[in-house]
Structure formats: structure tokens, C-alpha cells
Amino acid sequence: MANTKEHAHELIDRMAPGQIAALVGLLEIMLDPVARSLANAPIEDEPISEEEIRSAEASKEWLKNHEPISHEEVLAEFGLTLEDFERMGRTPLDPQSKGQ
């Protein structure tokens, strides 16, 4: 294994700065368990219903004559800010709360 790491270091030393930055990003993704799980997740192959197709078509038609609604606007309707939403994403749910 030491020989393989040494070879990797030699290759990195020959790279341009932009290539090194790309390699670092790739290594971070490879070592991130969530990214690894997503990369290995099966492709969704559930059939799309006629109702779902009609809904998607209706939303595309609506967007032809209306401005998209931002994420921030939707959150504001629930009295939340983007910071609230991000904080909620970082805070694990209490499994004992039972939907409260």
C-alpha cells in the first residue's frame, strides 16, 4: 500500500493547480458516506402515473405565464427563513417526539 500511496503522491506532484483542486473535490466525494450512498443508490424505476404526467405538464404550462415561486417565498408562508430551514436540516429529529 505504501508503494501505491507513493505513486499517487508522485502523480499529484506532476498535476497543474486546477487538476489538484478537481482531484481534491473527487477525493472528498469518495470519502463522504452520504455521497457514496447516493452514487450507489439504485436508479428510480418506478413508473410515472398519468396523473403525475398531467401534473408535471400543468406546472410547465403555468410557468409559461408566471414567475417561479422562490424557496424563500414558500418558507415565508410557513413563517420560516432560509436560516431556519438550514438549521432544521442540521438538527436531528427526536425519535421519541412521535410527529409533534
Protein backbone atom coordinates (compact mmCIF):
# COMPACT_ATOMS: atom_id res chain seq x y z
CA MET A 1 0.00 0.00 0.00
CA ALA A 2 2.89 2.38 0.75
CA ASN A 3 4.08 1.96 -2.83
CA THR A 4 0.62 2.87 -4.17
CA LYS A 5 0.45 5.97 -1.97
CA GLU A 6 3.94 6.98 -3.05
CA HIS A 7 2.91 6.61 -6.71
CA ALA A 8 -0.22 8.72 -6.05
CA HIS A 9 1.93 11.44 -4.47
CA GLU A 10 4.25 11.43 -7.49
CA LEU A 11 1.29 11.82 -9.84
CA ILE A 12 -0.17 14.64 -7.75
CA ASP A 13 3.18 16.46 -7.81
CA ARG A 14 3.01 16.49 -11.62
CA MET A 15 -0.50 17.99 -11.75
CA ALA A 16 -1.47 21.58 -12.53
CA PRO A 17 -3.18 23.53 -9.69
CA GLY A 18 -6.60 23.23 -11.36
CA GLN A 19 -6.20 19.47 -11.66
CA ILE A 20 -5.25 19.23 -7.99
CA ALA A 21 -8.36 21.16 -6.99
CA ALA A 22 -10.52 18.81 -9.06
CA LEU A 23 -8.80 15.79 -7.53
CA VAL A 24 -9.36 17.11 -4.01
CA GLY A 25 -13.06 17.51 -4.77
CA LEU A 26 -13.20 13.97 -6.11
CA LEU A 27 -11.41 12.57 -3.05
CA GLU A 28 -13.76 14.43 -0.71
CA ILE A 29 -16.76 12.97 -2.51
CA MET A 30 -15.25 9.48 -2.45
CA LEU A 31 -14.73 9.70 1.30
CA ASP A 32 -18.14 11.25 2.09
CA PRO A 33 -20.51 8.44 3.17
CA VAL A 34 -23.63 10.31 2.04
CA ALA A 35 -22.21 11.00 -1.42
CA ARG A 36 -21.09 7.37 -1.68
CA SER A 37 -24.59 6.16 -0.73
CA LEU A 38 -26.19 8.43 -3.33
CA ALA A 39 -23.75 7.27 -6.01
CA ASN A 40 -24.56 3.64 -5.22
CA ALA A 41 -28.32 4.14 -4.92
CA PRO A 42 -30.42 2.30 -7.49
CA ILE A 43 -31.89 4.31 -10.32
CA GLU A 44 -35.53 5.09 -9.68
CA ASP A 45 -37.50 2.85 -11.97
CA GLU A 46 -40.98 3.32 -10.55
CA PRO A 47 -43.44 4.01 -13.35
CA ILE A 48 -44.86 7.51 -13.58
CA SER A 49 -48.64 7.63 -13.42
CA GLU A 50 -50.82 9.53 -15.88
CA GLU A 51 -51.83 11.87 -13.06
CA GLU A 52 -48.17 12.68 -12.33
CA ILE A 53 -47.53 13.33 -16.03
CA ARG A 54 -50.55 15.67 -16.20
CA SER A 55 -49.40 17.50 -13.06
CA ALA A 56 -45.90 17.99 -14.46
CA GLU A 57 -47.33 19.25 -17.76
CA ALA A 58 -49.68 21.64 -15.93
CA SER A 59 -46.79 23.07 -13.89
CA LYS A 60 -44.74 23.64 -17.06
CA GLU A 61 -47.71 25.37 -18.66
CA TRP A 62 -48.20 27.55 -15.56
CA LEU A 63 -44.55 28.63 -15.70
CA LYS A 64 -45.04 29.96 -19.23
CA ASN A 65 -47.18 32.81 -17.84
CA HIS A 66 -45.97 33.16 -14.26
CA GLU A 67 -42.73 33.76 -12.41
CA PRO A 68 -41.40 30.79 -10.44
CA ILE A 69 -42.01 30.91 -6.70
CA SER A 70 -38.74 31.05 -4.80
CA HIS A 71 -37.83 28.71 -1.99
CA GLU A 72 -37.63 31.72 0.33
CA GLU A 73 -41.23 32.74 -0.53
CA VAL A 74 -42.54 29.26 0.22
CA LEU A 75 -40.70 29.20 3.55
CA ALA A 76 -42.07 32.67 4.41
CA GLU A 77 -45.61 31.33 4.00
CA PHE A 78 -44.81 28.98 6.89
CA GLY A 79 -43.17 31.76 8.91
CA LEU A 80 -39.67 30.41 8.28
CA THR A 81 -36.46 31.87 6.92
CA LEU A 82 -33.80 30.12 4.88
CA GLU A 83 -31.63 30.12 8.02
CA ASP A 84 -34.43 28.35 9.93
CA PHE A 85 -34.68 25.74 7.18
CA GLU A 86 -30.92 25.15 7.11
CA ARG A 87 -30.80 24.86 10.92
CA MET A 88 -33.64 22.32 10.83
CA GLY A 89 -31.65 20.31 8.29
CA ARG A 90 -28.69 20.16 10.67
CA THR A 91 -30.79 19.25 13.73
CA PRO A 92 -31.68 15.59 14.03
CA LEU A 93 -35.29 14.77 14.82
CA ASP A 94 -36.08 13.34 18.20
CA PRO A 95 -37.31 9.77 17.54
CA GLN A 96 -39.37 9.94 20.76
CA SER A 97 -41.38 13.01 19.61
CA LYS A 98 -43.82 10.91 17.51
CA GLY A 99 -44.64 13.66 14.98
CA GLN A 100 -45.05 16.53 17.45
